[in-house]
């Protein structure tokens, strides 16, 4: 039997995703426990809820600090070079005939 275990190419991003997912899981478990067990100690539920929120927020801040998405904007007006050696001037959008867009007078 052959197994194919894919190893992630960026372990830091994988770890940040796991941390954020753990934070979301803690939030869900704490809220669910508060609904199912209304007499549960509030300190334990608050600890689960706030630690989940803190873990989620910290993982989002760390992700933003590592990837810096605010520095890499994608300009939709600039075509990406696809590496095939042909320019994008030949793939310009050609406007349709003006009469093609008009509705027909026959109903």
N, C-alpha and C. Protein backbone atom coordinates (compact mmCIF):
# COMPACT_ATOMS: atom_id res chain seq x y z
N UNK A 1 0.84 -1.16 0.00
CA UNK A 1 0.00 0.00 0.00
C UNK A 1 0.89 1.23 0.00
N UNK A 2 0.62 2.15 -0.90
CA UNK A 2 1.44 3.34 -1.05
C UNK A 2 0.71 4.54 -0.44
N UNK A 3 1.43 5.27 0.38
CA UNK A 3 0.89 6.48 0.97
C UNK A 3 1.64 7.68 0.42
N UNK A 4 0.92 8.73 0.19
CA UNK A 4 1.53 9.96 -0.31
C UNK A 4 1.25 11.06 0.70
N UNK A 5 2.21 11.29 1.59
CA UNK A 5 2.07 12.33 2.59
C UNK A 5 2.70 13.59 2.05
N UNK A 6 1.86 14.56 1.74
CA UNK A 6 2.37 15.82 1.19
C UNK A 6 2.84 16.71 2.33
N UNK A 7 4.06 17.15 2.24
CA UNK A 7 4.62 18.04 3.24
C UNK A 7 4.43 19.47 2.73
N UNK A 8 3.98 20.32 3.60
CA UNK A 8 3.73 21.69 3.19
C UNK A 8 5.02 22.39 2.80
N UNK A 9 4.92 23.27 1.83
CA UNK A 9 6.10 23.96 1.34
C UNK A 9 6.53 25.09 2.27
N UNK A 10 5.62 25.60 3.09
CA UNK A 10 5.96 26.69 3.99
C UNK A 10 5.45 26.35 5.40
N UNK A 11 6.30 25.78 6.24
CA UNK A 11 5.85 25.35 7.56
C UNK A 11 5.40 26.51 8.46
N UNK A 12 5.94 27.71 8.25
CA UNK A 12 5.53 28.84 9.06
C UNK A 12 4.06 29.19 8.80
N UNK A 13 3.67 29.24 7.53
CA UNK A 13 2.27 29.53 7.19
C UNK A 13 1.35 28.42 7.70
N UNK A 14 1.83 27.19 7.60
CA UNK A 14 1.04 26.07 8.09
C UNK A 14 0.84 26.17 9.60
N UNK A 15 1.88 26.54 10.32
CA UNK A 15 1.77 26.71 11.76
C UNK A 15 0.84 27.84 12.15
N UNK A 16 0.90 28.94 11.40
CA UNK A 16 -0.01 30.06 11.68
C UNK A 16 -1.46 29.68 11.40
N UNK A 17 -1.66 28.89 10.35
CA UNK A 17 -3.02 28.41 10.06
C UNK A 17 -3.52 27.48 11.15
N UNK A 18 -2.63 26.62 11.65
CA UNK A 18 -3.02 25.74 12.76
C UNK A 18 -3.34 26.53 14.01
N UNK A 19 -2.57 27.56 14.29
CA UNK A 19 -2.83 28.40 15.47
C UNK A 19 -4.17 29.11 15.34
N UNK A 20 -4.45 29.67 14.17
CA UNK A 20 -5.74 30.33 13.96
C UNK A 20 -6.90 29.35 14.05
N UNK A 21 -6.72 28.17 13.49
CA UNK A 21 -7.77 27.15 13.58
C UNK A 21 -8.00 26.67 14.99
N UNK A 22 -6.92 26.57 15.77
CA UNK A 22 -7.06 26.20 17.18
C UNK A 22 -7.80 27.29 17.95
N UNK A 23 -7.54 28.54 17.63
CA UNK A 23 -8.27 29.64 18.27
C UNK A 23 -9.76 29.59 17.96
N UNK A 24 -10.09 29.34 16.70
CA UNK A 24 -11.51 29.23 16.33
C UNK A 24 -12.16 28.04 17.03
N UNK A 25 -11.43 26.94 17.12
CA UNK A 25 -11.95 25.75 17.80
C UNK A 25 -12.19 26.03 19.28
N UNK A 26 -11.27 26.72 19.92
CA UNK A 26 -11.46 27.08 21.33
C UNK A 26 -12.69 27.97 21.52
N UNK A 27 -12.88 28.91 20.63
CA UNK A 27 -14.04 29.80 20.72
C UNK A 27 -15.33 29.00 20.58
N UNK A 28 -15.38 28.10 19.61
CA UNK A 28 -16.59 27.31 19.38
C UNK A 28 -16.87 26.39 20.56
N UNK A 29 -15.83 25.75 21.08
CA UNK A 29 -16.01 24.83 22.22
C UNK A 29 -16.47 25.60 23.46
N UNK A 30 -15.89 26.76 23.71
CA UNK A 30 -16.29 27.54 24.88
C UNK A 30 -17.74 28.02 24.76
N UNK A 31 -18.12 28.49 23.57
CA UNK A 31 -19.51 28.93 23.39
C UNK A 31 -20.47 27.76 23.46
N UNK A 32 -20.09 26.63 22.87
CA UNK A 32 -20.95 25.45 22.94
C UNK A 32 -21.09 24.93 24.36
N UNK A 33 -20.00 24.93 25.12
CA UNK A 33 -20.07 24.48 26.51
C UNK A 33 -20.93 25.43 27.34
N UNK A 34 -20.88 26.72 27.03
CA UNK A 34 -21.72 27.67 27.75
C UNK A 34 -23.20 27.46 27.47
N UNK A 35 -23.53 27.01 26.26
CA UNK A 35 -24.92 26.74 25.92
C UNK A 35 -25.38 25.42 26.53
N UNK A 36 -24.55 24.40 26.43
CA UNK A 36 -24.94 23.07 26.93
C UNK A 36 -24.94 22.98 28.45
N UNK A 37 -24.01 23.68 29.08
CA UNK A 37 -23.88 23.64 30.53
C UNK A 37 -23.96 25.05 31.09
N UNK A 38 -25.18 25.57 31.28
CA UNK A 38 -25.31 26.96 31.75
C UNK A 38 -24.79 27.16 33.18
N UNK A 39 -24.66 26.07 33.95
CA UNK A 39 -24.17 26.20 35.33
C UNK A 39 -22.66 26.00 35.42
N UNK A 40 -21.99 25.90 34.29
CA UNK A 40 -20.54 25.71 34.29
C UNK A 40 -19.87 26.97 34.84
N UNK A 41 -18.69 26.80 35.44
CA UNK A 41 -18.01 27.99 35.99
C UNK A 41 -17.63 28.97 34.87
N UNK A 42 -17.99 30.20 35.11
CA UNK A 42 -17.75 31.23 34.10
C UNK A 42 -16.28 31.49 33.87
N UNK A 43 -15.45 31.29 34.87
CA UNK A 43 -14.03 31.53 34.68
C UNK A 43 -13.43 30.58 33.66
N UNK A 44 -13.87 29.33 33.68
CA UNK A 44 -13.35 28.35 32.71
C UNK A 44 -13.84 28.66 31.29
N UNK A 45 -15.11 29.03 31.17
CA UNK A 45 -15.64 29.39 29.85
C UNK A 45 -15.00 30.67 29.33
N UNK A 46 -14.82 31.65 30.21
CA UNK A 46 -14.17 32.90 29.80
C UNK A 46 -12.72 32.67 29.39
N UNK A 47 -12.04 31.77 30.12
CA UNK A 47 -10.65 31.47 29.78
C UNK A 47 -10.58 30.84 28.38
N UNK A 48 -11.47 29.91 28.08
CA UNK A 48 -11.48 29.29 26.76
C UNK A 48 -11.83 30.27 25.66
N UNK A 49 -12.83 31.10 25.94
CA UNK A 49 -13.27 32.07 24.94
C UNK A 49 -12.19 33.11 24.65
N UNK A 50 -11.65 33.72 25.69
CA UNK A 50 -10.69 34.80 25.48
C UNK A 50 -9.33 34.28 25.00
N UNK A 51 -8.95 33.08 25.40
CA UNK A 51 -7.70 32.54 24.88
C UNK A 51 -7.86 32.17 23.40
N UNK A 52 -9.03 31.71 23.01
CA UNK A 52 -9.29 31.44 21.59
C UNK A 52 -9.27 32.71 20.76
N UNK A 53 -9.88 33.76 21.28
CA UNK A 53 -9.88 35.04 20.57
C UNK A 53 -8.44 35.58 20.47
N UNK A 54 -7.70 35.49 21.56
CA UNK A 54 -6.32 35.98 21.54
C UNK A 54 -5.46 35.19 20.56
N UNK A 55 -5.63 33.87 20.53
CA UNK A 55 -4.86 33.04 19.61
C UNK A 55 -5.21 33.35 18.17
N UNK A 56 -6.48 33.55 17.89
CA UNK A 56 -6.91 33.89 16.53
C UNK A 56 -6.36 35.26 16.10
N UNK A 57 -6.48 36.25 16.96
CA UNK A 57 -6.00 37.60 16.63
C UNK A 57 -4.48 37.60 16.45
N UNK A 58 -3.76 36.91 17.33
CA UNK A 58 -2.31 36.87 17.21
C UNK A 58 -1.86 36.15 15.94
N UNK A 59 -2.56 35.10 15.57
CA UNK A 59 -2.19 34.40 14.34
C UNK A 59 -2.49 35.25 13.11
N UNK A 60 -3.55 36.03 13.13
CA UNK A 60 -3.85 36.93 12.01
C UNK A 60 -2.80 38.04 11.92
N UNK A 61 -2.41 38.60 13.06
CA UNK A 61 -1.38 39.65 13.06
C UNK A 61 -0.05 39.08 12.59
N UNK A 62 0.30 37.88 13.03
CA UNK A 62 1.55 37.26 12.60
C UNK A 62 1.53 36.96 11.11
N UNK A 63 0.38 36.48 10.62
CA UNK A 63 0.26 36.21 9.18
C UNK A 63 0.44 37.49 8.38
N UNK A 64 -0.19 38.58 8.83
CA UNK A 64 -0.06 39.85 8.13
C UNK A 64 1.37 40.37 8.19
N UNK A 65 2.06 40.12 9.29
CA UNK A 65 3.45 40.55 9.40
C UNK A 65 4.39 39.75 8.52
N UNK A 66 4.10 38.46 8.34
CA UNK A 66 4.98 37.61 7.55
C UNK A 66 4.71 37.78 6.06
N UNK A 67 3.45 37.74 5.65
CA UNK A 67 3.14 37.78 4.22
C UNK A 67 3.08 39.20 3.67
N UNK A 68 2.80 40.17 4.51
CA UNK A 68 2.67 41.58 4.14
C UNK A 68 1.80 41.77 2.89
N UNK A 69 0.52 41.41 2.98
CA UNK A 69 -0.36 41.52 1.81
C UNK A 69 -0.60 42.96 1.39
N UNK A 70 -0.35 43.90 2.27
CA UNK A 70 -0.56 45.31 1.95
C UNK A 70 0.54 45.86 1.06
N UNK A 71 1.63 45.12 0.85
CA UNK A 71 2.72 45.56 -0.03
C UNK A 71 2.61 45.00 -1.43
N UNK A 72 1.84 43.95 -1.60
CA UNK A 72 1.78 43.25 -2.89
C UNK A 72 0.39 43.38 -3.48
N UNK A 73 0.17 44.49 -4.15
CA UNK A 73 -1.12 44.71 -4.80
C UNK A 73 -1.07 44.15 -6.21
N UNK A 74 -2.14 43.56 -6.64
CA UNK A 74 -2.24 43.04 -7.99
C UNK A 74 -2.94 44.09 -8.85
N UNK A 75 -2.23 44.65 -9.82
CA UNK A 75 -2.81 45.64 -10.71
C UNK A 75 -3.51 44.92 -11.84
N UNK A 76 -4.82 44.98 -11.85
CA UNK A 76 -5.60 44.24 -12.83
C UNK A 76 -5.43 44.81 -14.24
N UNK A 77 -4.96 46.05 -14.34
CA UNK A 77 -4.76 46.66 -15.66
C UNK A 77 -3.46 46.21 -16.32
N UNK A 78 -2.55 45.62 -15.58
CA UNK A 78 -1.28 45.17 -16.13
C UNK A 78 -1.34 43.66 -16.32
N UNK A 79 -1.27 43.16 -17.56
CA UNK A 79 -1.32 41.71 -17.77
C UNK A 79 -0.04 41.06 -17.27
N UNK A 80 -0.20 39.88 -16.73
CA UNK A 80 0.93 39.11 -16.23
C UNK A 80 1.60 38.39 -17.39
N UNK A 81 2.93 38.47 -17.45
CA UNK A 81 3.66 37.76 -18.49
C UNK A 81 3.54 36.28 -18.23
N UNK A 82 2.99 35.55 -19.19
CA UNK A 82 2.78 34.12 -19.00
C UNK A 82 3.98 33.28 -19.41
N UNK A 83 5.02 33.91 -19.93
CA UNK A 83 6.25 33.21 -20.25
C UNK A 83 6.22 32.42 -21.55
N UNK A 84 5.23 32.62 -22.39
CA UNK A 84 5.15 31.89 -23.65
C UNK A 84 5.77 32.65 -24.80
N UNK A 85 6.23 33.86 -24.56
CA UNK A 85 6.95 34.60 -25.57
C UNK A 85 6.09 35.45 -26.48
N UNK A 86 4.81 35.44 -26.32
CA UNK A 86 3.97 36.30 -27.16
C UNK A 86 3.41 37.42 -26.30
N UNK A 87 3.26 38.55 -26.94
CA UNK A 87 2.77 39.71 -26.22
C UNK A 87 1.26 39.65 -26.01
N UNK A 88 0.80 40.54 -25.18
CA UNK A 88 -0.64 40.58 -24.91
C UNK A 88 -1.37 41.55 -25.81
N UNK A 89 -0.65 42.20 -26.74
CA UNK A 89 -1.31 43.15 -27.63
C UNK A 89 -2.25 42.43 -28.59
N UNK A 90 -1.94 41.16 -28.92
CA UNK A 90 -2.79 40.43 -29.84
C UNK A 90 -4.05 39.90 -29.18
N UNK A 91 -4.13 39.96 -27.86
CA UNK A 91 -5.29 39.44 -27.17
C UNK A 91 -6.18 40.56 -26.65
N UNK A 92 -6.13 41.72 -27.32
CA UNK A 92 -6.95 42.85 -26.88
C UNK A 92 -8.42 42.55 -27.12
N UNK A 93 -9.25 43.11 -26.30
CA UNK A 93 -10.69 42.92 -26.44
C UNK A 93 -11.18 43.78 -27.60
N UNK A 94 -11.88 43.17 -28.52
CA UNK A 94 -12.40 43.88 -29.68
C UNK A 94 -13.83 44.28 -29.39
N UNK A 95 -14.17 45.56 -29.56
CA UNK A 95 -15.55 45.96 -29.28
C UNK A 95 -16.51 45.34 -30.29
N UNK A 96 -17.68 45.02 -29.82
CA UNK A 96 -18.70 44.41 -30.68
C UNK A 96 -19.29 45.48 -31.59
N UNK A 97 -19.94 45.04 -32.63
CA UNK A 97 -20.62 45.97 -33.53
C UNK A 97 -21.70 46.71 -32.75
N UNK A 98 -21.92 47.96 -33.11
CA UNK A 98 -22.88 48.75 -32.35
C UNK A 98 -24.30 48.24 -32.52
N UNK A 99 -24.63 47.66 -33.68
CA UNK A 99 -25.99 47.17 -33.88
C UNK A 99 -26.21 45.83 -33.18
N UNK A 100 -25.17 45.15 -32.79
CA UNK A 100 -25.33 43.85 -32.14
C UNK A 100 -25.87 44.00 -30.73
N UNK A 101 -25.61 45.12 -30.06
CA UNK A 101 -26.04 45.31 -28.69
C UNK A 101 -27.44 45.89 -28.59
N UNK A 102 -27.99 46.39 -29.71
CA UNK A 102 -29.31 46.99 -29.67
C UNK A 102 -30.39 45.93 -29.67
N UNK A 103 -31.44 46.15 -28.87
CA UNK A 103 -32.52 45.18 -28.89
C UNK A 103 -33.29 45.26 -30.21
N UNK A 104 -33.83 44.17 -30.55
CA UNK A 104 -34.58 44.11 -31.80
C UNK A 104 -35.90 44.85 -31.68
N UNK A 105 -36.35 45.46 -32.77
CA UNK A 105 -37.62 46.20 -32.77
C UNK A 105 -38.80 45.25 -32.88
N UNK A 106 -38.57 43.99 -33.23
CA UNK A 106 -39.66 43.03 -33.38
C UNK A 106 -39.95 42.37 -32.05
N UNK A 107 -41.20 42.45 -31.62
CA UNK A 107 -41.58 41.79 -30.36
C UNK A 107 -42.59 40.73 -30.65
